[in-house]
PDB file of N, CA and C in Angstrom:
ATOM      1  N   MET A   1     -19.725   4.626  73.540  1.00  0.00           N
ATOM      2  CA  MET A   1     -18.998   4.413  72.302  1.00  0.00           C
ATOM      3  C   MET A   1     -18.365   5.739  71.874  1.00  0.00           C
ATOM      4  N   ILE A   2     -17.339   5.652  71.096  1.00  0.00           N
ATOM      5  CA  ILE A   2     -16.587   6.822  70.661  1.00  0.00           C
ATOM      6  C   ILE A   2     -17.408   7.696  69.712  1.00  0.00           C
ATOM      7  N   VAL A   3     -18.007   7.091  68.722  1.00  0.00           N
ATOM      8  CA  VAL A   3     -18.781   7.844  67.728  1.00  0.00           C
ATOM      9  C   VAL A   3     -20.142   7.181  67.540  1.00  0.00           C
ATOM     10  N   SER A   4     -21.098   7.958  67.093  1.00  0.00           N
ATOM     11  CA  SER A   4     -22.414   7.383  66.814  1.00  0.00           C
ATOM     12  C   SER A   4     -22.721   7.410  65.322  1.00  0.00           C
ATOM     13  N   LYS A   5     -21.915   8.187  64.573  1.00  0.00           N
ATOM     14  CA  LYS A   5     -22.123   8.328  63.135  1.00  0.00           C
ATOM     15  C   LYS A   5     -20.807   8.041  62.410  1.00  0.00           C
ATOM     16  N   CYS A   6     -20.874   7.256  61.359  1.00  0.00           N
ATOM     17  CA  CYS A   6     -19.684   6.855  60.598  1.00  0.00           C
ATOM     18  C   CYS A   6     -19.089   8.041  59.843  1.00  0.00           C
ATOM     19  N   ALA A   7     -17.781   8.185  59.951  1.00  0.00           N
ATOM     20  CA  ALA A   7     -17.077   9.258  59.236  1.00  0.00           C
ATOM     21  C   ALA A   7     -16.960   8.965  57.741  1.00  0.00           C
ATOM     22  N   ILE A   8     -17.115   7.715  57.345  1.00  0.00           N
ATOM     23  CA  ILE A   8     -16.979   7.333  55.936  1.00  0.00           C
ATOM     24  C   ILE A   8     -18.287   7.541  55.179  1.00  0.00           C
ATOM     25  N   CYS A   9     -19.388   6.974  55.702  1.00  0.00           N
ATOM     26  CA  CYS A   9     -20.647   7.005  54.945  1.00  0.00           C
ATOM     27  C   CYS A   9     -21.794   7.712  55.670  1.00  0.00           C
ATOM     28  N   GLY A  10     -21.583   8.082  56.937  1.00  0.00           N
ATOM     29  CA  GLY A  10     -22.640   8.738  57.691  1.00  0.00           C
ATOM     30  C   GLY A  10     -23.629   7.792  58.336  1.00  0.00           C
ATOM     31  N   GLY A  11     -23.392   6.483  58.214  1.00  0.00           N
ATOM     32  CA  GLY A  11     -24.295   5.481  58.794  1.00  0.00           C
ATOM     33  C   GLY A  11     -24.206   5.428  60.305  1.00  0.00           C
ATOM     34  N   LYS A  12     -25.139   4.725  60.912  1.00  0.00           N
ATOM     35  CA  LYS A  12     -25.184   4.557  62.360  1.00  0.00           C
ATOM     36  C   LYS A  12     -24.097   3.575  62.807  1.00  0.00           C
ATOM     37  N   VAL A  13     -23.397   3.905  63.886  1.00  0.00           N
ATOM     38  CA  VAL A  13     -22.365   3.034  64.449  1.00  0.00           C
ATOM     39  C   VAL A  13     -22.919   2.379  65.703  1.00  0.00           C
ATOM     40  N   GLU A  14     -22.847   1.043  65.740  1.00  0.00           N
ATOM     41  CA  GLU A  14     -23.326   0.278  66.882  1.00  0.00           C
ATOM     42  C   GLU A  14     -22.165  -0.418  67.570  1.00  0.00           C
ATOM     43  N   GLU A  15     -22.232  -0.505  68.895  1.00  0.00           N
ATOM     44  CA  GLU A  15     -21.201  -1.221  69.637  1.00  0.00           C
ATOM     45  C   GLU A  15     -21.454  -2.718  69.515  1.00  0.00           C
ATOM     46  N   ARG A  16     -20.378  -3.457  69.216  1.00  0.00           N
ATOM     47  CA  ARG A  16     -20.472  -4.912  69.035  1.00  0.00           C
ATOM     48  C   ARG A  16     -19.214  -5.580  69.558  1.00  0.00           C
ATOM     49  N   GLU A  17     -19.298  -6.882  69.709  1.00  0.00           N
ATOM     50  CA  GLU A  17     -18.115  -7.692  69.944  1.00  0.00           C
ATOM     51  C   GLU A  17     -17.792  -8.354  68.616  1.00  0.00           C
ATOM     52  N   ILE A  18     -16.570  -8.146  68.142  1.00  0.00           N
ATOM     53  CA  ILE A  18     -16.167  -8.662  66.837  1.00  0.00           C
ATOM     54  C   ILE A  18     -14.954  -9.578  66.999  1.00  0.00           C
ATOM     55  N   SER A  19     -14.567 -10.207  65.917  1.00  0.00           N
ATOM     56  CA  SER A  19     -13.335 -10.990  65.858  1.00  0.00           C
ATOM     57  C   SER A  19     -12.348 -10.256  64.966  1.00  0.00           C
ATOM     58  N   GLU A  20     -11.109 -10.247  65.376  1.00  0.00           N
ATOM     59  CA  GLU A  20     -10.033  -9.662  64.585  1.00  0.00           C
ATOM     60  C   GLU A  20      -9.106 -10.778  64.136  1.00  0.00           C
ATOM     61  N   ASP A  21      -8.699 -10.762  62.890  1.00  0.00           N
ATOM     62  CA  ASP A  21      -7.776 -11.754  62.355  1.00  0.00           C
ATOM     63  C   ASP A  21      -6.386 -11.150  62.258  1.00  0.00           C
ATOM     64  N   LEU A  22      -5.396 -11.850  62.799  1.00  0.00           N
ATOM     65  CA  LEU A  22      -4.010 -11.416  62.712  1.00  0.00           C
ATOM     66  C   LEU A  22      -3.217 -12.449  61.932  1.00  0.00           C
ATOM     67  N   ARG A  23      -2.344 -11.985  61.095  1.00  0.00           N
ATOM     68  CA  ARG A  23      -1.445 -12.893  60.390  1.00  0.00           C
ATOM     69  C   ARG A  23      -0.106 -12.848  61.091  1.00  0.00           C
ATOM     70  N   VAL A  24       0.383 -14.015  61.479  1.00  0.00           N
ATOM     71  CA  VAL A  24       1.678 -14.145  62.134  1.00  0.00           C
ATOM     72  C   VAL A  24       2.495 -15.112  61.294  1.00  0.00           C
ATOM     73  N   GLY A  25       3.354 -14.572  60.453  1.00  0.00           N
ATOM     74  CA  GLY A  25       4.093 -15.415  59.511  1.00  0.00           C
ATOM     75  C   GLY A  25       3.111 -16.044  58.545  1.00  0.00           C
ATOM     76  N   ILE A  26       3.081 -17.381  58.512  1.00  0.00           N
ATOM     77  CA  ILE A  26       2.123 -18.074  57.641  1.00  0.00           C
ATOM     78  C   ILE A  26       0.877 -18.505  58.404  1.00  0.00           C
ATOM     79  N   ASP A  27       0.809 -18.148  59.673  1.00  0.00           N
ATOM     80  CA  ASP A  27      -0.323 -18.535  60.507  1.00  0.00           C
ATOM     81  C   ASP A  27      -1.312 -17.378  60.665  1.00  0.00           C
ATOM     82  N   PHE A  28      -2.562 -17.719  60.934  1.00  0.00           N
ATOM     83  CA  PHE A  28      -3.596 -16.740  61.233  1.00  0.00           C
ATOM     84  C   PHE A  28      -4.096 -16.993  62.642  1.00  0.00           C
ATOM     85  N   VAL A  29      -4.301 -15.913  63.378  1.00  0.00           N
ATOM     86  CA  VAL A  29      -4.833 -16.003  64.735  1.00  0.00           C
ATOM     87  C   VAL A  29      -6.108 -15.171  64.777  1.00  0.00           C
ATOM     88  N   VAL A  30      -7.176 -15.771  65.264  1.00  0.00           N
ATOM     89  CA  VAL A  30      -8.452 -15.080  65.407  1.00  0.00           C
ATOM     90  C   VAL A  30      -8.577 -14.648  66.862  1.00  0.00           C
ATOM     91  N   ILE A  31      -8.713 -13.359  67.086  1.00  0.00           N
ATOM     92  CA  ILE A  31      -8.908 -12.823  68.426  1.00  0.00           C
ATOM     93  C   ILE A  31     -10.389 -12.496  68.550  1.00  0.00           C
ATOM     94  N   GLU A  32     -11.048 -13.186  69.452  1.00  0.00           N
ATOM     95  CA  GLU A  32     -12.501 -13.038  69.598  1.00  0.00           C
ATOM     96  C   GLU A  32     -12.857 -12.053  70.702  1.00  0.00           C
ATOM     97  N   ASN A  33     -14.102 -11.588  70.671  1.00  0.00           N
ATOM     98  CA  ASN A  33     -14.675 -10.733  71.708  1.00  0.00           C
ATOM     99  C   ASN A  33     -13.976  -9.385  71.847  1.00  0.00           C
ATOM    100  N   VAL A  34     -13.628  -8.774  70.718  1.00  0.00           N
ATOM    101  CA  VAL A  34     -13.018  -7.444  70.722  1.00  0.00           C
ATOM    102  C   VAL A  34     -14.142  -6.407  70.645  1.00  0.00           C
ATOM    103  N   ARG A  35     -14.182  -5.474  71.589  1.00  0.00           N
ATOM    104  CA  ARG A  35     -15.209  -4.428  71.573  1.00  0.00           C
ATOM    105  C   ARG A  35     -14.862  -3.387  70.519  1.00  0.00           C
ATOM    106  N   ALA A  36     -15.853  -3.030  69.715  1.00  0.00           N
ATOM    107  CA  ALA A  36     -15.660  -2.018  68.679  1.00  0.00           C
ATOM    108  C   ALA A  36     -16.999  -1.436  68.283  1.00  0.00           C
ATOM    109  N   GLY A  37     -16.960  -0.246  67.728  1.00  0.00           N
ATOM    110  CA  GLY A  37     -18.129   0.325  67.096  1.00  0.00           C
ATOM    111  C   GLY A  37     -18.068  -0.071  65.630  1.00  0.00           C
ATOM    112  N   VAL A  38     -19.168  -0.530  65.073  1.00  0.00           N
ATOM    113  CA  VAL A  38     -19.190  -0.980  63.684  1.00  0.00           C
ATOM    114  C   VAL A  38     -20.324  -0.259  62.960  1.00  0.00           C
ATOM    115  N   CYS A  39     -20.012   0.338  61.810  1.00  0.00           N
ATOM    116  CA  CYS A  39     -21.027   1.013  61.013  1.00  0.00           C
ATOM    117  C   CYS A  39     -21.961  -0.028  60.409  1.00  0.00           C
ATOM    118  N   VAL A  40     -23.266   0.175  60.586  1.00  0.00           N
ATOM    119  CA  VAL A  40     -24.234  -0.782  60.058  1.00  0.00           C
ATOM    120  C   VAL A  40     -24.357  -0.687  58.542  1.00  0.00           C
ATOM    121  N   GLU A  41     -23.869   0.396  57.950  1.00  0.00           N
ATOM    122  CA  GLU A  41     -23.958   0.568  56.491  1.00  0.00           C
ATOM    123  C   GLU A  41     -22.727   0.022  55.760  1.00  0.00           C
ATOM    124  N   CYS A  42     -21.537   0.478  56.158  1.00  0.00           N
ATOM    125  CA  CYS A  42     -20.329   0.122  55.393  1.00  0.00           C
ATOM    126  C   CYS A  42     -19.371  -0.815  56.123  1.00  0.00           C
ATOM    127  N   GLY A  43     -19.598  -1.049  57.424  1.00  0.00           N
ATOM    128  CA  GLY A  43     -18.743  -1.974  58.170  1.00  0.00           C
ATOM    129  C   GLY A  43     -17.484  -1.360  58.755  1.00  0.00           C
ATOM    130  N   GLU A  44     -17.271  -0.063  58.582  1.00  0.00           N
ATOM    131  CA  GLU A  44     -16.095   0.604  59.169  1.00  0.00           C
ATOM    132  C   GLU A  44     -16.075   0.357  60.675  1.00  0.00           C
ATOM    133  N   LYS A  45     -14.856   0.130  61.237  1.00  0.00           N
ATOM    134  CA  LYS A  45     -14.722  -0.178  62.657  1.00  0.00           C
ATOM    135  C   LYS A  45     -14.104   0.997  63.401  1.00  0.00           C
ATOM    136  N   TYR A  46     -14.597   1.219  64.609  1.00  0.00           N
ATOM    137  CA  TYR A  46     -14.081   2.249  65.501  1.00  0.00           C
ATOM    138  C   TYR A  46     -13.800   1.592  66.844  1.00  0.00           C
ATOM    139  N   TYR A  47     -12.572   1.773  67.347  1.00  0.00           N
ATOM    140  CA  TYR A  47     -12.170   1.106  68.575  1.00  0.00           C
ATOM    141  C   TYR A  47     -12.118   2.086  69.744  1.00  0.00           C
ATOM    142  N   PRO A  48     -12.562   1.636  70.925  1.00  0.00           N
ATOM    143  CA  PRO A  48     -12.420   2.470  72.124  1.00  0.00           C
ATOM    144  C   PRO A  48     -10.934   2.670  72.451  1.00  0.00           C
ATOM    145  N   PRO A  49     -10.609   3.684  73.246  1.00  0.00           N
ATOM    146  CA  PRO A  49      -9.211   3.911  73.622  1.00  0.00           C
ATOM    147  C   PRO A  49      -8.573   2.664  74.230  1.00  0.00           C
ATOM    148  N   GLY A  50      -7.358   2.383  73.812  1.00  0.00           N
ATOM    149  CA  GLY A  50      -6.593   1.274  74.359  1.00  0.00           C
ATOM    150  C   GLY A  50      -6.753  -0.048  73.636  1.00  0.00           C
ATOM    151  N   VAL A  51      -7.803  -0.224  72.848  1.00  0.00           N
ATOM    152  CA  VAL A  51      -8.040  -1.517  72.190  1.00  0.00           C
ATOM    153  C   VAL A  51      -6.968  -1.808  71.139  1.00  0.00           C
ATOM    154  N   VAL A  52      -6.630  -0.832  70.314  1.00  0.00           N
ATOM    155  CA  VAL A  52      -5.619  -1.060  69.269  1.00  0.00           C
ATOM    156  C   VAL A  52      -4.266  -1.368  69.910  1.00  0.00           C
ATOM    157  N   ASP A  53      -3.918  -0.653  70.973  1.00  0.00           N
ATOM    158  CA  ASP A  53      -2.660  -0.933  71.668  1.00  0.00           C
ATOM    159  C   ASP A  53      -2.644  -2.359  72.211  1.00  0.00           C
ATOM    160  N   ARG A  54      -3.762  -2.782  72.771  1.00  0.00           N
ATOM    161  CA  ARG A  54      -3.851  -4.141  73.315  1.00  0.00           C
ATOM    162  C   ARG A  54      -3.735  -5.180  72.200  1.00  0.00           C
ATOM    163  N   LEU A  55      -4.368  -4.942  71.054  1.00  0.00           N
ATOM    164  CA  LEU A  55      -4.250  -5.862  69.917  1.00  0.00           C
ATOM    165  C   LEU A  55      -2.801  -5.964  69.455  1.00  0.00           C
ATOM    166  N   ARG A  56      -2.085  -4.839  69.427  1.00  0.00           N
ATOM    167  CA  ARG A  56      -0.667  -4.856  69.018  1.00  0.00           C
ATOM    168  C   ARG A  56       0.178  -5.641  70.016  1.00  0.00           C
ATOM    169  N   LYS A  57      -0.131  -5.495  71.318  1.00  0.00           N
ATOM    170  CA  LYS A  57       0.597  -6.262  72.337  1.00  0.00           C
ATOM    171  C   LYS A  57       0.362  -7.752  72.149  1.00  0.00           C
ATOM    172  N   ILE A  58      -0.883  -8.127  71.882  1.00  0.00           N
ATOM    173  CA  ILE A  58      -1.206  -9.538  71.648  1.00  0.00           C
ATOM    174  C   ILE A  58      -0.445 -10.043  70.433  1.00  0.00           C
ATOM    175  N   GLU A  59      -0.432  -9.245  69.363  1.00  0.00           N
ATOM    176  CA  GLU A  59       0.278  -9.639  68.143  1.00  0.00           C
ATOM    177  C   GLU A  59       1.767  -9.852  68.421  1.00  0.00           C
ATOM    178  N   LYS A  60       2.402  -8.930  69.125  1.00  0.00           N
ATOM    179  CA  LYS A  60       3.829  -9.072  69.443  1.00  0.00           C
ATOM    180  C   LYS A  60       4.070 -10.294  70.314  1.00  0.00           C
ATOM    181  N   SER A  61       3.167 -10.543  71.236  1.00  0.00           N
ATOM    182  CA  SER A  61       3.303 -11.678  72.141  1.00  0.00           C
ATOM    183  C   SER A  61       3.255 -13.006  71.389  1.00  0.00           C
ATOM    184  N   ILE A  62       2.338 -13.149  70.441  1.00  0.00           N
ATOM    185  CA  ILE A  62       2.207 -14.439  69.757  1.00  0.00           C
ATOM    186  C   ILE A  62       3.183 -14.611  68.605  1.00  0.00           C
ATOM    187  N   MET A  63       3.992 -13.596  68.327  1.00  0.00           N
ATOM    188  CA  MET A  63       5.012 -13.769  67.291  1.00  0.00           C
ATOM    189  C   MET A  63       6.064 -14.779  67.738  1.00  0.00           C
ATOM    190  N   ASP A  64       6.135 -15.044  69.024  1.00  0.00           N
ATOM    191  CA  ASP A  64       6.988 -16.104  69.545  1.00  0.00           C
ATOM    192  C   ASP A  64       6.321 -17.433  69.171  1.00  0.00           C
ATOM    193  N   ARG A  65       6.915 -18.188  68.289  1.00  0.00           N
ATOM    194  CA  ARG A  65       6.311 -19.415  67.756  1.00  0.00           C
ATOM    195  C   ARG A  65       5.897 -20.389  68.864  1.00  0.00           C
ATOM    196  N   LYS A  66       6.607 -20.395  69.981  1.00  0.00           N
ATOM    197  CA  LYS A  66       6.255 -21.295  71.079  1.00  0.00           C
ATOM    198  C   LYS A  66       4.874 -20.972  71.617  1.00  0.00           C
ATOM    199  N   LYS A  67       4.527 -19.708  71.660  1.00  0.00           N
ATOM    200  CA  LYS A  67       3.220 -19.306  72.183  1.00  0.00           C
ATOM    201  C   LYS A  67       2.102 -19.701  71.223  1.00  0.00           C
ATOM    202  N   LEU A  68       2.381 -19.769  69.936  1.00  0.00           N
ATOM    203  CA  LEU A  68       1.368 -20.203  68.973  1.00  0.00           C
ATOM    204  C   LEU A  68       0.912 -21.630  69.279  1.00  0.00           C
ATOM    205  N   LYS A  69       1.821 -22.464  69.744  1.00  0.00           N
ATOM    206  CA  LYS A  69       1.489 -23.860  70.031  1.00  0.00           C
ATOM    207  C   LYS A  69       0.491 -23.987  71.174  1.00  0.00           C
ATOM    208  N   ARG A  70       0.372 -22.956  72.017  1.00  0.00           N
ATOM    209  CA  ARG A  70      -0.555 -23.010  73.141  1.00  0.00           C
ATOM    210  C   ARG A  70      -1.956 -22.525  72.771  1.00  0.00           C
ATOM    211  N   LEU A  71      -2.150 -22.070  71.547  1.00  0.00           N
ATOM    212  CA  LEU A  71      -3.454 -21.580  71.117  1.00  0.00           C
ATOM    213  C   LEU A  71      -4.319 -22.740  70.640  1.00  0.00           C
ATOM    214  N   ASP A  72      -5.630 -22.562  70.686  1.00  0.00           N
ATOM    215  CA  ASP A  72      -6.556 -23.572  70.179  1.00  0.00           C
ATOM    216  C   ASP A  72      -6.534 -23.576  68.655  1.00  0.00           C
ATOM    217  N   VAL A  73      -6.299 -24.725  68.044  1.00  0.00           N
ATOM    218  CA  VAL A  73      -6.317 -24.856  66.594  1.00  0.00           C
ATOM    219  C   VAL A  73      -7.776 -25.032  66.170  1.00  0.00           C
ATOM    220  N   ILE A  74      -8.225 -24.183  65.214  1.00  0.00           N
ATOM    221  CA  ILE A  74      -9.628 -24.262  64.797  1.00  0.00           C
ATOM    222  C   ILE A  74      -9.791 -24.618  63.323  1.00  0.00           C
ATOM    223  N   GLY A  75      -8.707 -24.822  62.614  1.00  0.00           N
ATOM    224  CA  GLY A  75      -8.828 -25.161  61.200  1.00  0.00           C
ATOM    225  C   GLY A  75      -7.475 -25.083  60.510  1.00  0.00           C
ATOM    226  N   ALA A  76      -7.502 -24.991  59.203  1.00  0.00           N
ATOM    227  CA  ALA A  76      -6.281 -24.910  58.413  1.00  0.00           C
ATOM    228  C   ALA A  76      -6.477 -23.862  57.324  1.00  0.00           C
ATOM    229  N   THR A  77      -5.372 -23.355  56.818  1.00  0.00           N
ATOM    230  CA  THR A  77      -5.404 -22.398  55.715  1.00  0.00           C
ATOM    231  C   THR A  77      -4.733 -23.055  54.519  1.00  0.00           C
ATOM    232  N   TYR A  78      -5.346 -22.910  53.361  1.00  0.00           N
ATOM    233  CA  TYR A  78      -4.807 -23.500  52.146  1.00  0.00           C
ATOM    234  C   TYR A  78      -4.596 -22.419  51.107  1.00  0.00           C
ATOM    235  N   ARG A  79      -3.641 -22.672  50.185  1.00  0.00           N
ATOM    236  CA  ARG A  79      -3.386 -21.731  49.103  1.00  0.00           C
ATOM    237  C   ARG A  79      -3.598 -22.459  47.781  1.00  0.00           C
ATOM    238  N   LEU A  80      -4.261 -21.783  46.872  1.00  0.00           N
ATOM    239  CA  LEU A  80      -4.551 -22.358  45.569  1.00  0.00           C
ATOM    240  C   LEU A  80      -4.366 -21.270  44.518  1.00  0.00           C
ATOM    241  N   LYS A  81      -3.630 -21.570  43.466  1.00  0.00           N
ATOM    242  CA  LYS A  81      -3.479 -20.604  42.378  1.00  0.00           C
ATOM    243  C   LYS A  81      -4.633 -20.765  41.427  1.00  0.00           C
ATOM    244  N   TYR A  82      -5.304 -19.680  41.148  1.00  0.00           N
ATOM    245  CA  TYR A  82      -6.514 -19.663  40.340  1.00  0.00           C
ATOM    246  C   TYR A  82      -6.306 -20.347  38.991  1.00  0.00           C
ATOM    247  N   ASP A  83      -5.217 -20.012  38.264  1.00  0.00           N
ATOM    248  CA  ASP A  83      -5.017 -20.547  36.916  1.00  0.00           C
ATOM    249  C   ASP A  83      -4.574 -22.000  36.919  1.00  0.00           C
ATOM    250  N   ALA A  84      -4.103 -22.503  38.048  1.00  0.00           N
ATOM    251  CA  ALA A  84      -3.618 -23.874  38.084  1.00  0.00           C
ATOM    252  C   ALA A  84      -4.710 -24.874  38.455  1.00  0.00           C
ATOM    253  N   TYR A  85      -5.882 -24.390  38.835  1.00  0.00           N
ATOM    254  CA  TYR A  85      -6.941 -25.278  39.300  1.00  0.00           C
ATOM    255  C   TYR A  85      -7.800 -25.750  38.132  1.00  0.00           C
ATOM    256  N   LEU A  86      -8.030 -27.035  38.051  1.00  0.00           N
ATOM    257  CA  LEU A  86      -8.849 -27.720  37.039  1.00  0.00           C
ATOM    258  C   LEU A  86      -8.230 -27.643  35.721  1.00  0.00           C
TER     259      LEU A  86
END
């Protein structure tokens, strides 16, 4: 792992597989099994070399709406205005 101690809070950083959420227009894409170091105290994430570049490539790739149709649909996103409810 890149670091063992968090630069934000000084907590221990553990290597984990996490999910990253990307917003593409009005859609959200969840990218699973991303390797990262995660602080056990504050949740700050640290990525190994090349991971951020790969995430950006994935994001650019799925900006093509046709490619979004080939992804597995796992749910829906809804919007609600706080003051308009009830």
